[in-house]
Amino acid sequence: MKRLVYGLICCGSLMACQQEVGYRINGSVPGTPDGMKVYLFDQNTPVDSALTKDGKFLLQGKVEVPALYGVFIDLTPDVNVDYQKDLRGTDIFVDNSDIQYTCASIDSLPSRFNFQRKVAGKVTVSGSPTHDLYMKYRNAVKSSNMKKSEAWDKYLKTYHIPAGEGTFNTREGIALVRQMDAVQKQIEQIQQDFIKANPQSPVAIEVALGLVYGKQMTKKEMDQLLQSIDTSLWKAPAYKQLKESTGNLLPVAIGEKYLDIELIDETGKTVRLADYVKPGQYNMVEFWASWCGPCRYEIPHLRHVYEAYGKDGLNMISVSIDNKDKDWKTALKEEKMNWTQLCDMKGWQGEVVSKYKVMGVPFSLLLDGEGKVIAREVRGSELDVILIDRLGDKFKE
């Protein structure tokens, strides 16, 4: 009898060992039509899918390392253009466990593309320890994110929109930026504390990515951030992405000297950026293009800044990535920018992209008297605040 019991135990153990350990995402989204595809996205790439039946679905597979994925239901199977599709769902951390994914109805499920349909929604995810930790972080920054979002919405209405039309509510804009800066520092502290407390969790990598893009960091700070993640995660795809992201930011990291590049001036002559950056003076390099709506919308503010600081405090250089000379010259006449105008006629194949890793415009760099980066991607009242702190307040009341 003892031998039989022992044999049964061994057999059961062997079967358990042979079972594949992986994730099972059991979804319940009432009101979803039958036969809709549910995708598990790794960033923009679907890596798993299932079909809905009676408002339910099951995704199952295996992940090597827990990571942030997107679970989205495709309600427009006949639409082929990604941004036109009606995809509804949320991001969740997936580990090899039984995960329950539930919400009240398909109509309460948030859309992947917010410009199509804005629904806050409420999705409940349970069964994943990694996702639980992720939500702990999200809850820790929730209040600060809400404060920053509210201040940003007010800034858009109070300063950004009027500035694009030539009206500058400078004092109100500055006050709101200082308010957002204070909240951002709180968020960064929460992020740094979380990473320090959870270096072995994949969630720390996701938090680090947010920190990299939210905080203006030096090369040393980025190196320290990479080292703060436990070595057991260094082969994870998310860590490789973090390392790549910091690498792309190195040319414009705080404290790095600007890179000299070959450009052309308004006469068509080949010149160097170094010919126009003035030593011993603050310099602003603004990358833009004639076809870029946000770039053109920012120009009235740049004219406003140049009028206040251009004579004796700030040397401004605009660098276009237009590849059509006529378009660039037409925009120069229309915008009346009375400061240095240069162009990288090779566009996305030029040195602006290859050396500075600029993947979108507008993009700005603010340099100190030694040509070192003190800020990047600052515009509107963000730029005003830095100039006031560095050069004094020269804006008219």
Protein backbone atom coordinates (compact mmCIF):
# COMPACT_ATOMS: atom_id res chain seq x y z
CA MET A 1 0.00 0.00 0.00
CA LYS A 2 2.80 2.39 0.90
CA ARG A 3 4.48 1.62 -2.43
CA LEU A 4 1.23 2.41 -4.29
CA VAL A 5 0.79 5.75 -2.50
CA TYR A 6 4.44 6.61 -3.13
CA GLY A 7 4.02 5.70 -6.79
CA LEU A 8 0.96 7.89 -7.13
CA ILE A 9 2.80 10.81 -5.51
CA CYS A 10 5.76 10.39 -7.89
CA CYS A 11 3.45 10.13 -10.89
CA GLY A 12 1.59 13.29 -9.84
CA SER A 13 4.84 15.14 -9.32
CA LEU A 14 6.10 14.07 -12.76
CA MET A 15 2.91 15.30 -14.46
CA ALA A 16 3.15 18.62 -12.64
CA CYS A 17 6.75 19.02 -13.76
CA GLN A 18 5.76 18.29 -17.35
CA GLN A 19 3.03 20.97 -17.38
CA GLU A 20 4.13 24.18 -19.06
CA VAL A 21 4.38 27.08 -16.66
CA GLY A 22 3.04 30.22 -18.31
CA TYR A 23 0.48 32.99 -18.19
CA ARG A 24 -3.28 32.61 -18.50
CA ILE A 25 -5.14 35.90 -18.97
CA ASN A 26 -8.84 35.28 -18.37
CA GLY A 27 -10.75 38.29 -19.68
CA SER A 28 -14.33 39.30 -18.96
CA VAL A 29 -15.62 42.29 -20.92
CA PRO A 30 -19.44 42.12 -21.11
CA GLY A 31 -21.05 43.43 -24.28
CA THR A 32 -18.16 42.50 -26.57
CA PRO A 33 -19.43 40.98 -29.85
CA ASP A 34 -18.48 37.36 -30.43
CA GLY A 35 -15.53 36.63 -32.69
CA MET A 36 -13.60 39.83 -31.98
CA LYS A 37 -9.83 39.38 -31.84
CA VAL A 38 -8.06 40.17 -28.60
CA TYR A 39 -4.38 40.97 -29.00
CA LEU A 40 -1.49 40.90 -26.57
CA PHE A 41 0.83 43.68 -27.76
CA ASP A 42 4.54 43.94 -27.03
CA GLN A 43 4.71 47.68 -27.69
CA ASN A 44 3.28 47.81 -31.25
CA THR A 45 3.77 44.15 -32.12
CA PRO A 46 1.03 41.57 -31.45
CA VAL A 47 2.57 38.48 -29.87
CA ASP A 48 -0.58 36.54 -28.95
CA SER A 49 -4.28 36.62 -29.82
CA ALA A 50 -7.62 35.02 -28.98
CA LEU A 51 -11.29 35.34 -29.97
CA THR A 52 -14.11 36.63 -27.78
CA LYS A 53 -17.08 34.46 -26.87
CA ASP A 54 -19.93 35.62 -24.60
CA GLY A 55 -17.86 38.62 -23.53
CA LYS A 56 -14.93 36.46 -22.46
CA PHE A 57 -11.50 35.54 -23.82
CA LEU A 58 -8.42 33.56 -22.84
CA LEU A 59 -4.84 34.45 -23.72
CA GLN A 60 -2.19 31.93 -22.74
CA GLY A 61 1.50 31.54 -23.34
CA LYS A 62 4.81 32.06 -21.61
CA VAL A 63 7.03 35.06 -20.93
CA GLU A 64 10.74 34.75 -20.17
CA VAL A 65 10.70 37.92 -18.04
CA PRO A 66 7.60 39.73 -16.71
CA ALA A 67 7.01 42.84 -18.81
CA LEU A 68 4.45 45.50 -19.67
CA TYR A 69 2.12 44.38 -22.47
CA GLY A 70 -1.06 45.77 -23.95
CA VAL A 71 -4.32 43.80 -23.94
CA PHE A 72 -6.59 45.24 -26.65
CA ILE A 73 -9.84 44.11 -28.27
CA ASP A 74 -10.12 44.96 -31.98
CA LEU A 75 -13.68 46.08 -32.75
CA THR A 76 -12.81 47.04 -36.35
CA PRO A 77 -11.38 43.91 -38.00
CA ASP A 78 -12.00 45.29 -41.50
CA VAL A 79 -9.90 48.44 -40.91
CA ASN A 80 -6.25 48.05 -41.89
CA VAL A 81 -4.79 51.42 -40.85
CA ASP A 82 -3.61 51.14 -37.23
CA TYR A 83 -4.55 54.61 -35.98
CA GLN A 84 -8.04 54.28 -37.51
CA LYS A 85 -8.82 51.03 -35.70
CA ASP A 86 -11.08 50.92 -32.65
CA LEU A 87 -8.82 49.09 -30.19
CA ARG A 88 -9.96 48.99 -26.59
CA GLY A 89 -7.98 47.82 -23.59
CA THR A 90 -5.13 48.70 -21.25
CA ASP A 91 -1.50 47.95 -20.48
CA ILE A 92 -0.81 45.30 -17.86
CA PHE A 93 2.27 43.61 -16.47
CA VAL A 94 2.24 39.97 -17.52
CA ASP A 95 4.04 37.24 -15.59
CA ASN A 96 3.58 33.49 -15.69
CA SER A 97 0.50 33.29 -13.50
CA ASP A 98 -3.30 33.10 -13.73
CA ILE A 99 -4.43 36.67 -14.38
CA GLN A 100 -8.01 37.94 -14.22
CA TYR A 101 -8.79 40.92 -16.48
CA THR A 102 -12.26 42.38 -15.97
CA CYS A 103 -14.24 45.56 -16.58
CA ALA A 104 -17.91 46.56 -16.45
CA SER A 105 -18.52 46.56 -20.22
CA ILE A 106 -16.91 47.07 -23.60
CA ASP A 107 -18.15 50.69 -23.58
CA SER A 108 -16.29 51.39 -20.34
CA LEU A 109 -13.02 50.00 -21.70
CA PRO A 110 -10.49 52.75 -22.56
CA SER A 111 -9.37 53.22 -26.17
CA ARG A 112 -5.80 52.69 -27.27
CA PHE A 113 -5.90 55.93 -29.25
CA ASN A 114 -7.28 58.63 -26.96
CA PHE A 115 -7.98 61.08 -29.77
CA GLN A 116 -10.66 58.71 -31.06
CA ARG A 117 -12.56 58.23 -27.83
CA LYS A 118 -11.72 59.40 -24.33
CA VAL A 119 -12.99 57.07 -21.63
CA ALA A 120 -11.24 56.83 -18.28
CA GLY A 121 -12.69 53.38 -17.66
CA LYS A 122 -11.92 51.05 -14.79
CA VAL A 123 -10.17 47.76 -15.41
CA THR A 124 -9.43 45.32 -12.61
CA VAL A 125 -6.39 43.08 -12.96
CA SER A 126 -5.65 40.44 -10.35
CA GLY A 127 -3.42 37.39 -10.00
CA SER A 128 -0.17 38.97 -11.22
CA PRO A 129 2.28 39.89 -8.43
CA THR A 130 4.25 42.02 -10.87
CA HIS A 131 1.16 43.97 -11.92
CA ASP A 132 0.26 44.45 -8.25
CA LEU A 133 3.65 46.10 -7.70
CA TYR A 134 3.16 48.21 -10.83
CA MET A 135 -0.19 49.46 -9.51
CA LYS A 136 1.44 50.26 -6.18
CA TYR A 137 3.81 52.58 -8.06
CA ARG A 138 0.97 54.04 -10.16
CA ASN A 139 -0.99 54.82 -7.02
CA ALA A 140 2.06 56.45 -5.44
CA VAL A 141 2.37 58.95 -8.32
CA LYS A 142 -1.35 59.33 -9.04
CA SER A 143 -1.91 62.47 -6.98
CA SER A 144 1.18 64.21 -8.38
CA ASN A 145 0.30 63.26 -11.95
CA MET A 146 -3.19 64.67 -11.50
CA LYS A 147 -1.80 67.96 -10.16
CA LYS A 148 0.61 68.22 -13.07
CA SER A 149 -2.10 67.38 -15.60
CA GLU A 150 -4.45 70.00 -14.16
CA ALA A 151 -1.70 72.64 -14.25
CA TRP A 152 -0.83 71.65 -17.84
CA ASP A 153 -4.44 71.98 -18.99
CA LYS A 154 -4.59 75.41 -17.40
CA TYR A 155 -1.26 76.35 -19.00
CA LEU A 156 -2.54 75.41 -22.45
CA LYS A 157 -5.57 77.67 -22.07
CA THR A 158 -3.83 80.50 -20.25
CA TYR A 159 -0.53 80.69 -22.11
CA HIS A 160 0.14 78.26 -24.97
CA ILE A 161 -2.96 78.87 -27.11
CA PRO A 162 -2.89 82.69 -26.74
CA ALA A 163 0.91 82.75 -27.37
CA GLY A 164 0.48 81.01 -30.71
CA GLU A 165 -1.77 83.88 -31.69
CA GLY A 166 0.63 86.55 -30.44
CA THR A 167 -0.79 87.21 -26.95
CA PHE A 168 1.66 86.52 -24.13
CA ASN A 169 0.29 86.08 -20.61
CA THR A 170 3.88 85.81 -19.41
CA ARG A 171 3.41 86.03 -15.63
CA GLU A 172 0.60 83.47 -15.56
CA GLY A 173 2.58 81.09 -17.77
CA ILE A 174 5.70 81.39 -15.60
CA ALA A 175 3.72 80.72 -12.41
CA LEU A 176 2.17 77.58 -13.91
CA VAL A 177 5.52 76.25 -15.15
CA ARG A 178 7.09 76.73 -11.73
CA GLN A 179 4.14 74.87 -10.27
CA MET A 180 4.60 71.99 -12.75
CA ASP A 181 8.35 71.93 -12.10
CA ALA A 182 7.76 71.50 -8.37
CA VAL A 183 5.34 68.61 -8.95
CA GLN A 184 7.75 67.02 -11.45
CA LYS A 185 10.47 66.98 -8.82
CA GLN A 186 8.08 65.14 -6.48
CA ILE A 187 7.38 62.56 -9.21
CA GLU A 188 11.09 62.08 -9.88
CA GLN A 189 11.75 61.50 -6.18
CA ILE A 190 9.00 58.85 -6.03
CA GLN A 191 10.48 57.17 -9.11
CA GLN A 192 14.00 57.15 -7.71
CA ASP A 193 12.81 55.78 -4.36
CA PHE A 194 10.82 53.03 -6.10
CA ILE A 195 13.77 51.91 -8.23
CA LYS A 196 16.05 51.87 -5.18
CA ALA A 197 13.55 49.76 -3.21
CA ASN A 198 12.78 47.31 -6.09
CA PRO A 199 15.96 46.88 -8.19
CA GLN A 200 15.18 43.22 -8.98
CA SER A 201 11.67 43.90 -10.33
CA PRO A 202 10.96 44.44 -14.04
CA VAL A 203 8.65 47.24 -12.91
CA ALA A 204 11.76 49.20 -11.90
CA ILE A 205 12.86 49.20 -15.54
CA GLU A 206 9.52 50.67 -16.65
CA VAL A 207 9.77 53.33 -13.95
CA ALA A 208 13.35 54.07 -15.03
CA LEU A 209 12.18 54.61 -18.61
CA GLY A 210 9.69 57.18 -17.37
CA LEU A 211 12.42 58.87 -15.34
CA VAL A 212 14.77 59.04 -18.34
CA TYR A 213 12.23 60.86 -20.49
CA GLY A 214 10.85 63.04 -17.72
CA LYS A 215 14.03 64.22 -16.01
CA GLN A 216 16.83 66.15 -17.69
CA MET A 217 19.82 64.03 -16.70
CA THR A 218 23.59 64.14 -17.00
CA LYS A 219 25.56 61.26 -18.52
CA LYS A 220 26.71 60.28 -15.02
CA GLU A 221 23.11 60.18 -13.75
CA MET A 222 22.04 58.00 -16.68
CA ASP A 223 24.94 55.61 -16.04
CA GLN A 224 23.99 55.42 -12.36
CA LEU A 225 20.38 54.70 -13.32
CA LEU A 226 21.43 51.79 -15.54
CA GLN A 227 23.61 50.41 -12.75
CA SER A 228 20.77 50.68 -10.23
CA ILE A 229 18.83 47.89 -11.99
CA ASP A 230 19.84 44.46 -10.72
CA THR A 231 22.19 42.55 -13.03
CA SER A 232 19.69 39.67 -13.22
CA LEU A 233 17.54 41.88 -15.47
CA TRP A 234 20.25 43.14 -17.81
CA LYS A 235 19.37 40.64 -20.54
CA ALA A 236 15.68 41.51 -20.43
CA PRO A 237 14.33 43.26 -23.58
CA ALA A 238 13.02 46.15 -21.46
CA TYR A 239 16.48 46.77 -20.00
CA LYS A 240 17.98 46.76 -23.49
CA GLN A 241 15.36 49.34 -24.44
CA LEU A 242 16.31 51.42 -21.39
CA LYS A 243 19.98 51.24 -22.36
CA GLU A 244 19.18 52.22 -25.95
CA SER A 245 17.06 55.15 -24.78
CA THR A 246 19.82 56.53 -22.57
CA GLY A 247 22.27 56.06 -25.43
CA ASN A 248 20.09 58.11 -27.75
CA LEU A 249 19.95 60.91 -25.18
CA LEU A 250 23.70 61.05 -24.54
CA PRO A 251 24.42 63.65 -27.28
CA VAL A 252 21.97 66.04 -25.60
CA ALA A 253 22.54 65.05 -21.96
CA ILE A 254 22.91 67.88 -19.47
CA GLY A 255 26.54 69.00 -19.29
CA GLU A 256 27.55 67.59 -22.68
CA LYS A 257 29.10 69.96 -25.21
CA TYR A 258 27.12 70.55 -28.37
CA LEU A 259 28.12 68.60 -31.47
CA ASP A 260 29.34 70.55 -34.47
CA ILE A 261 27.47 69.70 -37.69
CA GLU A 262 27.57 70.76 -41.32
CA LEU A 263 24.70 72.98 -42.50
CA ILE A 264 23.91 75.55 -45.16
CA ASP A 265 23.07 79.22 -44.65
CA GLU A 266 20.44 81.32 -46.42
CA THR A 267 22.76 81.96 -49.36
CA GLY A 268 23.32 78.24 -49.94
CA LYS A 269 26.85 78.31 -48.56
CA THR A 270 28.09 75.28 -46.59
CA VAL A 271 28.85 76.32 -43.00
CA ARG A 272 29.38 74.77 -39.56
CA LEU A 273 27.15 75.18 -36.53
CA ALA A 274 30.30 76.14 -34.60
CA ASP A 275 30.59 79.24 -36.81
CA TYR A 276 27.46 80.65 -35.15
CA VAL A 277 27.55 79.40 -31.54
CA LYS A 278 28.98 82.32 -29.52
CA PRO A 279 31.39 81.44 -26.69
CA GLY A 280 30.79 83.16 -23.35
CA GLN A 281 27.11 83.64 -24.14
CA TYR A 282 23.91 81.64 -23.78
CA ASN A 283 22.92 80.04 -27.08
CA MET A 284 19.64 78.49 -28.12
CA VAL A 285 19.55 76.03 -31.02
CA GLU A 286 16.01 75.39 -32.28
CA PHE A 287 15.47 72.47 -34.67
CA TRP A 288 12.34 72.86 -36.78
CA ALA A 289 10.82 72.49 -40.28
CA SER A 290 8.46 74.52 -42.46
CA TRP A 291 5.99 71.61 -42.66
CA CYS A 292 5.86 71.18 -38.86
CA GLY A 293 2.70 72.78 -37.45
CA PRO A 294 3.84 72.83 -33.79
CA CYS A 295 7.16 74.37 -34.89
CA ARG A 296 5.41 77.22 -36.68
CA TYR A 297 3.02 77.70 -33.75
CA GLU A 298 5.99 78.23 -31.42
CA ILE A 299 7.65 80.93 -33.55
CA PRO A 300 5.62 83.91 -32.19
CA HIS A 301 6.95 83.03 -28.72
CA LEU A 302 10.51 82.77 -30.06
CA ARG A 303 10.17 86.25 -31.55
CA HIS A 304 8.89 87.44 -28.17
CA VAL A 305 11.92 85.90 -26.40
CA TYR A 306 14.38 87.29 -28.93
CA GLU A 307 12.95 90.77 -28.52
CA ALA A 308 13.55 90.56 -24.77
CA TYR A 309 16.91 88.72 -24.66
CA GLY A 310 18.43 88.73 -28.14
CA LYS A 311 20.38 91.97 -27.93
CA ASP A 312 22.72 91.18 -25.07
CA GLY A 313 21.85 87.86 -23.44
CA LEU A 314 20.75 85.12 -25.83
CA ASN A 315 22.14 84.07 -29.21
CA MET A 316 19.44 82.22 -31.16
CA ILE A 317 20.05 79.81 -34.03
CA SER A 318 17.24 78.07 -35.91
CA VAL A 319 18.16 74.90 -37.79
CA SER A 320 15.60 73.60 -40.26
CA ILE A 321 15.47 70.00 -41.47
CA ASP A 322 13.60 70.96 -44.64
CA ASN A 323 14.92 69.17 -47.71
CA LYS A 324 13.31 71.62 -50.14
CA ASP A 325 15.00 74.99 -50.34
CA LYS A 326 11.88 76.73 -51.66
CA ASP A 327 9.73 75.58 -48.72
CA TRP A 328 12.36 76.70 -46.22
CA LYS A 329 12.84 80.13 -47.82
CA THR A 330 9.09 80.71 -48.08
CA ALA A 331 8.67 79.93 -44.38
CA LEU A 332 11.50 82.32 -43.47
CA LYS A 333 9.76 85.16 -45.30
CA GLU A 334 6.43 84.36 -43.68
CA GLU A 335 7.72 83.99 -40.13
CA LYS A 336 10.13 86.98 -40.05
CA MET A 337 12.68 85.41 -37.72
CA ASN A 338 15.41 88.02 -37.31
CA TRP A 339 18.10 85.70 -36.01
CA THR A 340 20.47 83.15 -37.55
CA GLN A 341 18.74 80.72 -39.92
CA LEU A 342 20.49 77.53 -41.05
CA CYS A 343 19.29 74.33 -42.68
CA ASP A 344 20.21 70.64 -42.88
CA MET A 345 18.95 70.00 -46.39
CA LYS A 346 19.35 66.24 -45.96
CA GLY A 347 16.33 66.14 -43.65
CA TRP A 348 15.91 62.85 -41.82
CA GLN A 349 19.13 61.56 -43.40
CA GLY A 350 21.19 64.53 -42.22
CA GLU A 351 23.50 65.12 -39.29
CA VAL A 352 20.76 66.62 -37.11
CA VAL A 353 19.31 63.12 -36.87
CA SER A 354 22.49 61.04 -37.08
CA LYS A 355 24.49 63.03 -34.52
CA TYR A 356 21.84 64.54 -32.24
CA LYS A 357 19.40 61.62 -32.50
CA VAL A 358 16.56 64.12 -33.04
CA MET A 359 13.55 61.99 -33.96
CA GLY A 360 10.99 64.77 -34.05
CA VAL A 361 10.66 68.54 -34.24
CA PRO A 362 10.40 71.04 -32.68
CA PHE A 363 13.43 70.23 -30.55
CA SER A 364 15.56 72.80 -28.75
CA LEU A 365 18.89 72.95 -26.96
CA LEU A 366 19.95 75.66 -24.55
CA LEU A 367 23.73 76.02 -24.20
CA ASP A 368 25.84 77.84 -21.62
CA GLY A 369 28.87 80.01 -22.36
CA GLU A 370 31.07 76.92 -22.77
CA GLY A 371 28.70 75.37 -25.28
CA LYS A 372 27.41 72.76 -22.82
CA VAL A 373 23.77 71.70 -22.70
CA ILE A 374 21.86 73.17 -19.75
CA ALA A 375 18.36 72.26 -20.99
CA ARG A 376 16.63 70.55 -23.90
CA GLU A 377 13.13 70.50 -25.34
CA VAL A 378 12.13 73.66 -23.48
CA ARG A 379 9.61 75.99 -25.03
CA GLY A 380 7.01 78.52 -24.05
CA SER A 381 7.14 79.55 -20.41
CA GLU A 382 9.59 76.70 -19.69
CA LEU A 383 12.15 78.66 -21.66
CA ASP A 384 11.09 81.92 -20.03
CA VAL A 385 11.71 80.48 -16.55
CA ILE A 386 15.23 79.31 -17.41
CA LEU A 387 16.15 82.65 -18.99
CA ILE A 388 14.83 84.58 -15.99
CA ASP A 389 16.79 82.37 -13.59
CA ARG A 390 19.98 82.67 -15.65
CA LEU A 391 19.82 86.15 -17.12
CA GLY A 392 17.30 88.03 -15.02
CA ASP A 393 13.77 89.07 -15.85
CA LYS A 394 13.76 91.12 -19.07
CA PHE A 395 10.17 90.61 -20.06
CA LYS A 396 8.00 93.70 -20.14
CA GLU A 397 5.09 93.80 -17.74
